Amino acid sequence: MSADLAHLGYHGLYTPDPPATLQYFVDLLGMDIVAVEGDSTYLRACGDYESWSLQVIRADHAGSAWVSWRTAGPEALQRRISWLESNGHSGHWVPRDRGIGPSYEFADPDGHVFRLYYETERYQGQRPAVPTGFQRYAGRGANVRRLDHVNLLARDVRSCRRFWEEGFGLRTYEIVGSESQEVAAWMSSSIQGHELIYTQERTTANGRLHHFAYVVDSREEVLRAAEIFADARVRIEAGPSRHTAIQGFYLYTREPGGNRIEVAHGGYLVFAPDSEPYVWNAEEWKAKPGWGAPLPPEFHLYGTPDVS
């Protein structure tokens, strides 16, 4: 079961301002537009092996439309669907979309929408000089490589964590909390320190997005992204700095539609197959043994859709 999920896949993002959101992703992050169909625009990053990875969708509010996982094969897809349907989490099929899918859509215990799929179409566009790469170097904006992880806000972090551990075999690498309440958990389908994060929802809402994170090649490129955002008059919410959990280097802004986006680099890899989650207690976590400026108060409150 632990190998049934291969990696995070294509994802959907709602925005009330598609032109400005697209300008952010294309000109500032360096992604490419693949296609436009109705209220949807399809994009890719230069390190994506699939034909596209992000669908920006016009809506009356910002937020995550869905997060997806590609499974390790068609049998793995059927095994995970069987588990969902046997445990009260039945969903429905979504038709193939521009070469990806069909996908099985369902919700986690907090109401976030997810999809599972296996069939996909590989990128066949501008080839790089090194044939093992996926796309010619764009050299535009921050030149993000791929989606690194997603952080979702949850009213019950523990139940969401157990949902993915028990149903999909995700490994949990770090937890913040106690026996009475967990406030954060970092999980992954691989040795990468985090692909899926849940942090505590501090409002009465549910199913909200905290942020999507895109990876670049070095810390220097995170600093370069800061210069790009500053000159574009995009407010930098937090960073550049180093996280305590997973130890990645980060920079947070909000795209014009309102969604929080992280430009990230690094984070540890877990090679030990028998590693146990590190559980931070409240005193340890408050001490913040990492370094950098403290996160602003709204970092733990703001999410999309915005309910402020």
C-alpha atoms as a PDB file:
ATOM      1  CA  MET A   1       0.000   0.000   0.000  1.00  0.00           C
ATOM      2  CA  SER A   2       2.816   2.421   0.815  1.00  0.00           C
ATOM      3  CA  ALA A   3       3.858   2.429  -2.844  1.00  0.00           C
ATOM      4  CA  ASP A   4       0.363   2.924  -4.309  1.00  0.00           C
ATOM      5  CA  LEU A   5       0.743   6.719  -4.511  1.00  0.00           C
ATOM      6  CA  ALA A   6       3.624   7.796  -6.743  1.00  0.00           C
ATOM      7  CA  HIS A   7       3.615  11.578  -6.328  1.00  0.00           C
ATOM      8  CA  LEU A   8       1.476  14.714  -6.248  1.00  0.00           C
ATOM      9  CA  GLY A   9      -0.147  15.265  -9.613  1.00  0.00           C
ATOM     10  CA  TYR A  10      -2.071  17.935 -11.472  1.00  0.00           C
ATOM     11  CA  HIS A  11      -4.059  20.443  -9.428  1.00  0.00           C
ATOM     12  CA  GLY A  12      -6.770  23.050  -9.833  1.00  0.00           C
ATOM     13  CA  LEU A  13      -6.831  26.591  -8.494  1.00  0.00           C
ATOM     14  CA  TYR A  14      -9.794  28.968  -8.308  1.00  0.00           C
ATOM     15  CA  THR A  15      -9.294  32.697  -8.857  1.00  0.00           C
ATOM     16  CA  PRO A  16     -11.669  35.659  -9.187  1.00  0.00           C
ATOM     17  CA  ASP A  17      -9.090  37.476 -11.356  1.00  0.00           C
ATOM     18  CA  PRO A  18      -7.768  35.082 -14.028  1.00  0.00           C
ATOM     19  CA  PRO A  19      -5.800  37.645 -16.109  1.00  0.00           C
ATOM     20  CA  ALA A  20      -3.806  38.869 -13.104  1.00  0.00           C
ATOM     21  CA  THR A  21      -3.371  35.362 -11.701  1.00  0.00           C
ATOM     22  CA  LEU A  22      -2.061  34.119 -15.039  1.00  0.00           C
ATOM     23  CA  GLN A  23       0.351  37.033 -15.325  1.00  0.00           C
ATOM     24  CA  TYR A  24       1.714  36.061 -11.892  1.00  0.00           C
ATOM     25  CA  PHE A  25       2.224  32.412 -12.835  1.00  0.00           C
ATOM     26  CA  VAL A  26       3.632  33.111 -16.301  1.00  0.00           C
ATOM     27  CA  ASP A  27       5.693  36.295 -15.919  1.00  0.00           C
ATOM     28  CA  LEU A  28       6.768  35.995 -12.273  1.00  0.00           C
ATOM     29  CA  LEU A  29       6.936  32.241 -11.659  1.00  0.00           C
ATOM     30  CA  GLY A  30       7.959  31.398 -15.230  1.00  0.00           C
ATOM     31  CA  MET A  31       5.309  28.804 -16.057  1.00  0.00           C
ATOM     32  CA  ASP A  32       3.968  28.256 -19.594  1.00  0.00           C
ATOM     33  CA  ILE A  33       0.385  28.338 -20.826  1.00  0.00           C
ATOM     34  CA  VAL A  34      -0.512  25.064 -22.564  1.00  0.00           C
ATOM     35  CA  ALA A  35      -4.143  25.707 -23.510  1.00  0.00           C
ATOM     36  CA  VAL A  36      -7.192  27.864 -22.804  1.00  0.00           C
ATOM     37  CA  GLU A  37     -10.664  26.321 -22.737  1.00  0.00           C
ATOM     38  CA  GLY A  38     -13.645  28.337 -21.531  1.00  0.00           C
ATOM     39  CA  ASP A  39     -13.028  29.491 -17.955  1.00  0.00           C
ATOM     40  CA  SER A  40      -9.919  27.296 -17.584  1.00  0.00           C
ATOM     41  CA  THR A  41      -6.280  27.893 -18.469  1.00  0.00           C
ATOM     42  CA  TYR A  42      -3.793  25.007 -18.357  1.00  0.00           C
ATOM     43  CA  LEU A  43      -0.169  25.610 -17.353  1.00  0.00           C
ATOM     44  CA  ARG A  44       3.027  23.687 -16.775  1.00  0.00           C
ATOM     45  CA  ALA A  45       6.381  24.223 -15.102  1.00  0.00           C
ATOM     46  CA  CYS A  46       9.589  23.388 -16.941  1.00  0.00           C
ATOM     47  CA  GLY A  47      10.321  20.383 -14.715  1.00  0.00           C
ATOM     48  CA  ASP A  48       6.953  18.676 -15.210  1.00  0.00           C
ATOM     49  CA  TYR A  49       7.071  15.413 -17.153  1.00  0.00           C
ATOM     50  CA  GLU A  50       3.302  15.490 -17.710  1.00  0.00           C
ATOM     51  CA  SER A  51       1.736  17.674 -20.388  1.00  0.00           C
ATOM     52  CA  TRP A  52       0.324  20.111 -17.827  1.00  0.00           C
ATOM     53  CA  SER A  53       0.151  20.425 -14.062  1.00  0.00           C
ATOM     54  CA  LEU A  54      -2.021  23.426 -13.098  1.00  0.00           C
ATOM     55  CA  GLN A  55      -5.541  24.388 -14.147  1.00  0.00           C
ATOM     56  CA  VAL A  56      -6.439  27.982 -13.280  1.00  0.00           C
ATOM     57  CA  ILE A  57     -10.228  28.300 -13.118  1.00  0.00           C
ATOM     58  CA  ARG A  58     -12.343  31.466 -13.072  1.00  0.00           C
ATOM     59  CA  ALA A  59     -14.549  31.530  -9.944  1.00  0.00           C
ATOM     60  CA  ASP A  60     -16.083  34.022  -7.543  1.00  0.00           C
ATOM     61  CA  HIS A  61     -13.516  33.157  -4.867  1.00  0.00           C
ATOM     62  CA  ALA A  62      -9.947  31.905  -4.524  1.00  0.00           C
ATOM     63  CA  GLY A  63      -9.040  28.461  -3.252  1.00  0.00           C
ATOM     64  CA  SER A  64      -8.048  24.943  -4.187  1.00  0.00           C
ATOM     65  CA  ALA A  65     -10.308  23.254  -6.724  1.00  0.00           C
ATOM     66  CA  TRP A  66      -8.579  19.917  -6.089  1.00  0.00           C
ATOM     67  CA  VAL A  67      -5.252  18.282  -5.293  1.00  0.00           C
ATOM     68  CA  SER A  68      -4.369  15.045  -7.064  1.00  0.00           C
ATOM     69  CA  TRP A  69      -2.069  12.072  -6.713  1.00  0.00           C
ATOM     70  CA  ARG A  70      -0.818   9.911  -9.547  1.00  0.00           C
ATOM     71  CA  THR A  71      -0.880   6.263  -8.528  1.00  0.00           C
ATOM     72  CA  ALA A  72       1.861   3.738  -9.216  1.00  0.00           C
ATOM     73  CA  GLY A  73      -0.303   1.841 -11.697  1.00  0.00           C
ATOM     74  CA  PRO A  74      -3.894   0.993 -12.676  1.00  0.00           C
ATOM     75  CA  GLU A  75      -4.097  -1.747 -10.027  1.00  0.00           C
ATOM     76  CA  ALA A  76      -2.931   0.686  -7.350  1.00  0.00           C
ATOM     77  CA  LEU A  77      -5.648   3.105  -8.448  1.00  0.00           C
ATOM     78  CA  GLN A  78      -8.317   0.427  -8.071  1.00  0.00           C
ATOM     79  CA  ARG A  79      -6.990  -0.630  -4.648  1.00  0.00           C
ATOM     80  CA  ARG A  80      -7.206   2.916  -3.282  1.00  0.00           C
ATOM     81  CA  ILE A  81     -10.699   3.423  -4.739  1.00  0.00           C
ATOM     82  CA  SER A  82     -11.802   0.173  -3.122  1.00  0.00           C
ATOM     83  CA  TRP A  83     -10.502   1.379   0.231  1.00  0.00           C
ATOM     84  CA  LEU A  84     -12.313   4.710  -0.114  1.00  0.00           C
ATOM     85  CA  GLU A  85     -15.616   3.056  -1.012  1.00  0.00           C
ATOM     86  CA  SER A  86     -15.279   0.444   1.739  1.00  0.00           C
ATOM     87  CA  ASN A  87     -14.607   3.080   4.392  1.00  0.00           C
ATOM     88  CA  GLY A  88     -17.362   5.573   3.698  1.00  0.00           C
ATOM     89  CA  HIS A  89     -15.451   7.966   1.422  1.00  0.00           C
ATOM     90  CA  SER A  90     -16.999   7.143  -1.946  1.00  0.00           C
ATOM     91  CA  GLY A  91     -16.466   9.646  -4.720  1.00  0.00           C
ATOM     92  CA  HIS A  92     -17.095   9.835  -8.461  1.00  0.00           C
ATOM     93  CA  TRP A  93     -15.210   9.643 -11.730  1.00  0.00           C
ATOM     94  CA  VAL A  94     -14.066  12.781 -13.565  1.00  0.00           C
ATOM     95  CA  PRO A  95     -13.529  12.429 -17.341  1.00  0.00           C
ATOM     96  CA  ARG A  96     -10.101  12.559 -18.970  1.00  0.00           C
ATOM     97  CA  ASP A  97      -8.932  16.166 -19.314  1.00  0.00           C
ATOM     98  CA  ARG A  98      -6.323  17.146 -21.912  1.00  0.00           C
ATOM     99  CA  GLY A  99      -4.544  13.809 -21.730  1.00  0.00           C
ATOM    100  CA  ILE A 100      -4.745  13.215 -17.976  1.00  0.00           C
ATOM    101  CA  GLY A 101      -7.145  10.819 -16.292  1.00  0.00           C
ATOM    102  CA  PRO A 102      -9.890   9.667 -15.972  1.00  0.00           C
ATOM    103  CA  SER A 103      -9.652  10.598 -12.296  1.00  0.00           C
ATOM    104  CA  TYR A 104     -11.508   9.501  -9.174  1.00  0.00           C
ATOM    105  CA  GLU A 105     -12.598  12.505  -7.110  1.00  0.00           C
ATOM    106  CA  PHE A 106     -13.305  12.323  -3.362  1.00  0.00           C
ATOM    107  CA  ALA A 107     -12.949  14.413  -0.186  1.00  0.00           C
ATOM    108  CA  ASP A 108     -10.770  14.097   2.909  1.00  0.00           C
ATOM    109  CA  PRO A 109     -12.322  14.316   6.414  1.00  0.00           C
ATOM    110  CA  ASP A 110     -12.149  18.129   6.337  1.00  0.00           C
ATOM    111  CA  GLY A 111     -13.814  18.501   2.934  1.00  0.00           C
ATOM    112  CA  HIS A 112     -10.772  19.188   0.737  1.00  0.00           C
ATOM    113  CA  VAL A 113     -11.242  17.772  -2.752  1.00  0.00           C
ATOM    114  CA  PHE A 114      -8.706  15.233  -4.047  1.00  0.00           C
ATOM    115  CA  ARG A 115      -8.315  13.183  -7.203  1.00  0.00           C
ATOM    116  CA  LEU A 116      -6.555   9.903  -7.990  1.00  0.00           C
ATOM    117  CA  TYR A 117      -5.440   8.960 -11.503  1.00  0.00           C
ATOM    118  CA  TYR A 118      -2.905   6.879 -13.357  1.00  0.00           C
ATOM    119  CA  GLU A 119      -3.259   7.500 -17.092  1.00  0.00           C
ATOM    120  CA  THR A 120      -1.370  10.565 -18.264  1.00  0.00           C
ATOM    121  CA  GLU A 121       0.145  12.238 -21.291  1.00  0.00           C
ATOM    122  CA  ARG A 122       3.831  13.146 -21.265  1.00  0.00           C
ATOM    123  CA  TYR A 123       5.086  16.530 -22.427  1.00  0.00           C
ATOM    124  CA  GLN A 124       6.202  16.487 -26.063  1.00  0.00           C
ATOM    125  CA  GLY A 125       7.069  20.146 -26.632  1.00  0.00           C
ATOM    126  CA  GLN A 126      10.374  22.027 -26.638  1.00  0.00           C
ATOM    127  CA  ARG A 127      13.035  19.469 -25.781  1.00  0.00           C
ATOM    128  CA  PRO A 128      16.175  20.413 -23.816  1.00  0.00           C
ATOM    129  CA  ALA A 129      19.721  19.752 -24.964  1.00  0.00           C
ATOM    130  CA  VAL A 130      20.140  17.110 -22.252  1.00  0.00           C
ATOM    131  CA  PRO A 131      17.661  14.402 -23.310  1.00  0.00           C
ATOM    132  CA  THR A 132      16.845  13.263 -19.761  1.00  0.00           C
ATOM    133  CA  GLY A 133      15.237  16.646 -19.047  1.00  0.00           C
ATOM    134  CA  PHE A 134      11.620  17.449 -19.807  1.00  0.00           C
ATOM    135  CA  GLN A 135      11.507  20.958 -21.257  1.00  0.00           C
ATOM    136  CA  ARG A 136      13.918  23.536 -22.587  1.00  0.00           C
ATOM    137  CA  TYR A 137      15.083  25.984 -19.906  1.00  0.00           C
ATOM    138  CA  ALA A 138      12.681  28.924 -19.938  1.00  0.00           C
ATOM    139  CA  GLY A 139      14.775  31.420 -17.954  1.00  0.00           C
ATOM    140  CA  ARG A 140      11.708  33.537 -17.241  1.00  0.00           C
ATOM    141  CA  GLY A 141      10.790  34.897 -13.839  1.00  0.00           C
ATOM    142  CA  ALA A 142      11.578  32.619 -10.903  1.00  0.00           C
ATOM    143  CA  ASN A 143      11.670  29.660 -13.336  1.00  0.00           C
ATOM    144  CA  VAL A 144       9.970  27.253 -10.924  1.00  0.00           C
ATOM    145  CA  ARG A 145      10.569  23.563 -11.645  1.00  0.00           C
ATOM    146  CA  ARG A 146       7.466  21.768 -10.328  1.00  0.00           C
ATOM    147  CA  LEU A 147       4.929  21.612  -7.542  1.00  0.00           C
ATOM    148  CA  ASP A 148       6.771  20.701  -4.337  1.00  0.00           C
ATOM    149  CA  HIS A 149       3.987  20.394  -1.761  1.00  0.00           C
ATOM    150  CA  VAL A 150       0.564  21.591  -0.714  1.00  0.00           C
ATOM    151  CA  ASN A 151      -0.509  22.857   2.716  1.00  0.00           C
ATOM    152  CA  LEU A 152      -4.173  22.550   3.682  1.00  0.00           C
ATOM    153  CA  LEU A 153      -5.977  23.983   6.704  1.00  0.00           C
ATOM    154  CA  ALA A 154      -7.921  21.408   8.736  1.00  0.00           C
ATOM    155  CA  ARG A 155     -10.179  21.607  11.763  1.00  0.00           C
ATOM    156  CA  ASP A 156      -9.025  18.132  12.853  1.00  0.00           C
ATOM    157  CA  VAL A 157      -5.418  17.580  11.826  1.00  0.00           C
ATOM    158  CA  ARG A 158      -5.180  14.165  13.458  1.00  0.00           C
ATOM    159  CA  SER A 159      -8.157  12.695  11.595  1.00  0.00           C
ATOM    160  CA  CYS A 160      -6.785  13.948   8.269  1.00  0.00           C
ATOM    161  CA  ARG A 161      -3.347  12.536   9.034  1.00  0.00           C
ATOM    162  CA  ARG A 162      -4.771   9.119   9.945  1.00  0.00           C
ATOM    163  CA  PHE A 163      -6.938   9.139   6.824  1.00  0.00           C
ATOM    164  CA  TRP A 164      -3.847   9.299   4.611  1.00  0.00           C
ATOM    165  CA  GLU A 165      -1.718   6.990   6.729  1.00  0.00           C
ATOM    166  CA  GLU A 166      -4.327   4.238   7.015  1.00  0.00           C
ATOM    167  CA  GLY A 167      -5.906   4.552   3.595  1.00  0.00           C
ATOM    168  CA  PHE A 168      -2.943   5.439   1.395  1.00  0.00           C
ATOM    169  CA  GLY A 169       0.231   4.585   3.278  1.00  0.00           C
ATOM    170  CA  LEU A 170       1.624   8.099   3.480  1.00  0.00           C
ATOM    171  CA  ARG A 171       4.588   8.464   5.823  1.00  0.00           C
ATOM    172  CA  THR A 172       4.376  11.163   8.475  1.00  0.00           C
ATOM    173  CA  TYR A 173       7.714  12.794   9.197  1.00  0.00           C
ATOM    174  CA  GLU A 174       6.842  15.524  11.704  1.00  0.00           C
ATOM    175  CA  ILE A 175       3.896  16.374  13.975  1.00  0.00           C
ATOM    176  CA  VAL A 176       3.253  19.386  16.196  1.00  0.00           C
ATOM    177  CA  GLY A 177       0.873  18.764  19.058  1.00  0.00           C
ATOM    178  CA  SER A 178      -0.087  16.614  22.006  1.00  0.00           C
ATOM    179  CA  GLU A 179      -2.336  13.698  22.880  1.00  0.00           C
ATOM    180  CA  SER A 180      -5.306  16.059  23.098  1.00  0.00           C
ATOM    181  CA  GLN A 181      -4.721  17.981  19.868  1.00  0.00           C
ATOM    182  CA  GLU A 182      -2.457  17.975  16.834  1.00  0.00           C
ATOM    183  CA  VAL A 183      -1.924  21.316  15.135  1.00  0.00           C
ATOM    184  CA  ALA A 184       0.289  20.309  12.186  1.00  0.00           C
ATOM    185  CA  ALA A 185       1.508  17.225  10.318  1.00  0.00           C
ATOM    186  CA  TRP A 186       3.973  16.808   7.430  1.00  0.00           C
ATOM    187  CA  MET A 187       3.443  13.764   5.186  1.00  0.00           C
ATOM    188  CA  SER A 188       4.825  12.275   1.990  1.00  0.00           C
ATOM    189  CA  SER A 189       4.472   9.330  -0.381  1.00  0.00           C
ATOM    190  CA  SER A 190       8.259   9.206  -0.773  1.00  0.00           C
ATOM    191  CA  ILE A 191      11.543  10.038   0.946  1.00  0.00           C
ATOM    192  CA  GLN A 192      10.812  13.731   0.323  1.00  0.00           C
ATOM    193  CA  GLY A 193      10.151  15.365   3.693  1.00  0.00           C
ATOM    194  CA  HIS A 194       6.740  16.704   2.720  1.00  0.00           C
ATOM    195  CA  GLU A 195       4.257  16.575  -0.102  1.00  0.00           C
ATOM    196  CA  LEU A 196       1.066  17.059   1.915  1.00  0.00           C
ATOM    197  CA  ILE A 197       0.825  19.244   5.030  1.00  0.00           C
ATOM    198  CA  TYR A 198      -2.108  19.868   7.328  1.00  0.00           C
ATOM    199  CA  THR A 199      -2.073  22.805   9.727  1.00  0.00           C
ATOM    200  CA  GLN A 200      -4.716  23.910  12.194  1.00  0.00           C
ATOM    201  CA  GLU A 201      -7.735  25.798  10.860  1.00  0.00           C
ATOM    202  CA  ARG A 202      -8.317  28.655  13.323  1.00  0.00           C
ATOM    203  CA  THR A 203     -11.618  29.861  11.895  1.00  0.00           C
ATOM    204  CA  THR A 204     -15.017  28.160  11.670  1.00  0.00           C
ATOM    205  CA  ALA A 205     -14.416  27.296   7.985  1.00  0.00           C
ATOM    206  CA  ASN A 206     -13.322  23.977   6.536  1.00  0.00           C
ATOM    207  CA  GLY A 207     -11.761  22.697   3.313  1.00  0.00           C
ATOM    208  CA  ARG A 208      -9.487  25.717   2.859  1.00  0.00           C
ATOM    209  CA  LEU A 209      -6.102  26.072   1.170  1.00  0.00           C
ATOM    210  CA  HIS A 210      -3.111  27.474   3.027  1.00  0.00           C
ATOM    211  CA  HIS A 211      -0.653  27.409   0.114  1.00  0.00           C
ATOM    212  CA  PHE A 212       0.786  25.666  -2.909  1.00  0.00           C
ATOM    213  CA  ALA A 213       4.600  25.510  -3.027  1.00  0.00           C
ATOM    214  CA  TYR A 214       6.798  25.463  -6.134  1.00  0.00           C
ATOM    215  CA  VAL A 215      10.437  24.433  -6.003  1.00  0.00           C
ATOM    216  CA  VAL A 216      13.504  26.133  -7.509  1.00  0.00           C
ATOM    217  CA  ASP A 217      17.052  24.833  -7.856  1.00  0.00           C
ATOM    218  CA  SER A 218      18.844  26.719  -5.081  1.00  0.00           C
ATOM    219  CA  ARG A 219      18.515  29.137  -2.188  1.00  0.00           C
ATOM    220  CA  GLU A 220      19.978  31.793  -4.440  1.00  0.00           C
ATOM    221  CA  GLU A 221      17.017  31.377  -6.774  1.00  0.00           C
ATOM    222  CA  VAL A 222      14.628  31.914  -3.850  1.00  0.00           C
ATOM    223  CA  LEU A 223      16.445  35.223  -3.210  1.00  0.00           C
ATOM    224  CA  ARG A 224      16.208  36.021  -6.927  1.00  0.00           C
ATOM    225  CA  ALA A 225      12.464  35.384  -6.749  1.00  0.00           C
ATOM    226  CA  ALA A 226      12.266  37.911  -3.909  1.00  0.00           C
ATOM    227  CA  GLU A 227      13.856  40.543  -6.164  1.00  0.00           C
ATOM    228  CA  ILE A 228      11.402  39.690  -8.951  1.00  0.00           C
ATOM    229  CA  PHE A 229       8.383  39.998  -6.658  1.00  0.00           C
ATOM    230  CA  ALA A 230       9.651  43.225  -5.097  1.00  0.00           C
ATOM    231  CA  ASP A 231      10.125  44.901  -8.482  1.00  0.00           C
ATOM    232  CA  ALA A 232       6.673  43.692  -9.569  1.00  0.00           C
ATOM    233  CA  ARG A 233       5.213  45.363  -6.451  1.00  0.00           C
ATOM    234  CA  VAL A 234       3.982  41.994  -5.130  1.00  0.00           C
ATOM    235  CA  ARG A 235       3.925  42.023  -1.338  1.00  0.00           C
ATOM    236  CA  ILE A 236       6.221  39.462   0.284  1.00  0.00           C
ATOM    237  CA  GLU A 237       4.280  38.005   3.191  1.00  0.00           C
ATOM    238  CA  ALA A 238       7.109  35.977   4.758  1.00  0.00           C
ATOM    239  CA  GLY A 239      10.753  35.159   4.101  1.00  0.00           C
ATOM    240  CA  PRO A 240      13.172  34.593   2.557  1.00  0.00           C
ATOM    241  CA  SER A 241      13.994  32.388   5.528  1.00  0.00           C
ATOM    242  CA  ARG A 242      14.357  28.788   6.727  1.00  0.00           C
ATOM    243  CA  HIS A 243      11.521  26.695   8.101  1.00  0.00           C
ATOM    244  CA  THR A 244      11.932  24.754  11.328  1.00  0.00           C
ATOM    245  CA  ALA A 245       9.845  21.805  10.140  1.00  0.00           C
ATOM    246  CA  ILE A 246      11.427  19.904   7.210  1.00  0.00           C
ATOM    247  CA  GLN A 247      14.101  22.694   7.091  1.00  0.00           C
ATOM    248  CA  GLY A 248      13.292  24.123   3.675  1.00  0.00           C
ATOM    249  CA  PHE A 249      14.145  27.653   2.503  1.00  0.00           C
ATOM    250  CA  TYR A 250      11.025  29.687   1.712  1.00  0.00           C
ATOM    251  CA  LEU A 251       9.417  32.816   0.316  1.00  0.00           C
ATOM    252  CA  TYR A 252       5.660  33.490   0.491  1.00  0.00           C
ATOM    253  CA  THR A 253       3.533  35.853  -1.572  1.00  0.00           C
ATOM    254  CA  ARG A 254      -0.121  35.905  -2.606  1.00  0.00           C
ATOM    255  CA  GLU A 255      -1.019  35.805  -6.264  1.00  0.00           C
ATOM    256  CA  PRO A 256      -3.489  38.552  -7.316  1.00  0.00           C
ATOM    257  CA  GLY A 257      -6.499  36.241  -6.991  1.00  0.00           C
ATOM    258  CA  GLY A 258      -5.702  35.799  -3.300  1.00  0.00           C
ATOM    259  CA  ASN A 259      -4.079  32.358  -3.101  1.00  0.00           C
ATOM    260  CA  ARG A 260      -0.862  32.051  -1.093  1.00  0.00           C
ATOM    261  CA  ILE A 261       2.061  30.683  -3.120  1.00  0.00           C
ATOM    262  CA  GLU A 262       5.460  29.605  -1.794  1.00  0.00           C
ATOM    263  CA  VAL A 263       8.722  29.554  -3.748  1.00  0.00           C
ATOM    264  CA  ALA A 264      10.812  26.914  -1.986  1.00  0.00           C
ATOM    265  CA  HIS A 265      14.108  25.068  -2.005  1.00  0.00           C
ATOM    266  CA  GLY A 266      15.476  22.187   0.022  1.00  0.00           C
ATOM    267  CA  GLY A 267      14.079  20.218   2.902  1.00  0.00           C
ATOM    268  CA  TYR A 268      15.476  16.928   4.103  1.00  0.00           C
ATOM    269  CA  LEU A 269      15.158  13.443   2.616  1.00  0.00           C
ATOM    270  CA  VAL A 270      14.323  10.415   4.767  1.00  0.00           C
ATOM    271  CA  PHE A 271      16.180   7.310   3.622  1.00  0.00           C
ATOM    272  CA  ALA A 272      15.591   5.186   6.751  1.00  0.00           C
ATOM    273  CA  PRO A 273      12.625   2.874   6.076  1.00  0.00           C
ATOM    274  CA  ASP A 274      11.900   2.558   9.812  1.00  0.00           C
ATOM    275  CA  SER A 275      11.982   6.263  10.703  1.00  0.00           C
ATOM    276  CA  GLU A 276       9.368   7.450  13.206  1.00  0.00           C
ATOM    277  CA  PRO A 277       7.648  10.859  13.105  1.00  0.00           C
ATOM    278  CA  TYR A 278       9.269  13.534  15.220  1.00  0.00           C
ATOM    279  CA  VAL A 279       6.616  14.945  17.556  1.00  0.00           C
ATOM    280  CA  TRP A 280       7.210  18.534  18.629  1.00  0.00           C
ATOM    281  CA  ASN A 281       5.732  19.538  21.960  1.00  0.00           C
ATOM    282  CA  ALA A 282       4.387  23.041  22.493  1.00  0.00           C
ATOM    283  CA  GLU A 283       7.478  24.299  24.327  1.00  0.00           C
ATOM    284  CA  GLU A 284       9.906  23.039  21.684  1.00  0.00           C
ATOM    285  CA  TRP A 285       7.841  24.412  18.838  1.00  0.00           C
ATOM    286  CA  LYS A 286       7.466  27.821  20.463  1.00  0.00           C
ATOM    287  CA  ALA A 287      11.256  28.072  20.823  1.00  0.00           C
ATOM    288  CA  LYS A 288      11.647  27.816  17.015  1.00  0.00           C
ATOM    289  CA  PRO A 289      15.218  26.487  16.841  1.00  0.00           C
ATOM    290  CA  GLY A 290      15.435  27.415  13.164  1.00  0.00           C
ATOM    291  CA  TRP A 291      16.365  30.907  12.033  1.00  0.00           C
ATOM    292  CA  GLY A 292      14.945  33.916  10.249  1.00  0.00           C
ATOM    293  CA  ALA A 293      12.260  36.494  10.886  1.00  0.00           C
ATOM    294  CA  PRO A 294       9.107  35.231  12.646  1.00  0.00           C
ATOM    295  CA  LEU A 295       6.081  34.481  10.542  1.00  0.00           C
ATOM    296  CA  PRO A 296       3.425  37.224  10.643  1.00  0.00           C
ATOM    297  CA  PRO A 297       0.230  36.539  12.647  1.00  0.00           C
ATOM    298  CA  GLU A 298      -1.964  36.355   9.527  1.00  0.00           C
ATOM    299  CA  PHE A 299       0.151  33.456   8.244  1.00  0.00           C
ATOM    300  CA  HIS A 300      -1.685  31.122  10.622  1.00  0.00           C
ATOM    301  CA  LEU A 301      -5.126  32.631   9.954  1.00  0.00           C
ATOM    302  CA  TYR A 302      -5.359  33.474   6.275  1.00  0.00           C
ATOM    303  CA  GLY A 303      -6.398  30.859   3.773  1.00  0.00           C
ATOM    304  CA  THR A 304      -8.564  30.596   0.684  1.00  0.00           C
ATOM    305  CA  PRO A 305     -11.440  31.036   0.353  1.00  0.00           C
ATOM    306  CA  ASP A 306     -10.862  34.063   2.569  1.00  0.00           C
ATOM    307  CA  VAL A 307     -13.353  34.183   5.459  1.00  0.00           C
ATOM    308  CA  SER A 308     -11.942  37.237   7.240  1.00  0.00           C
END
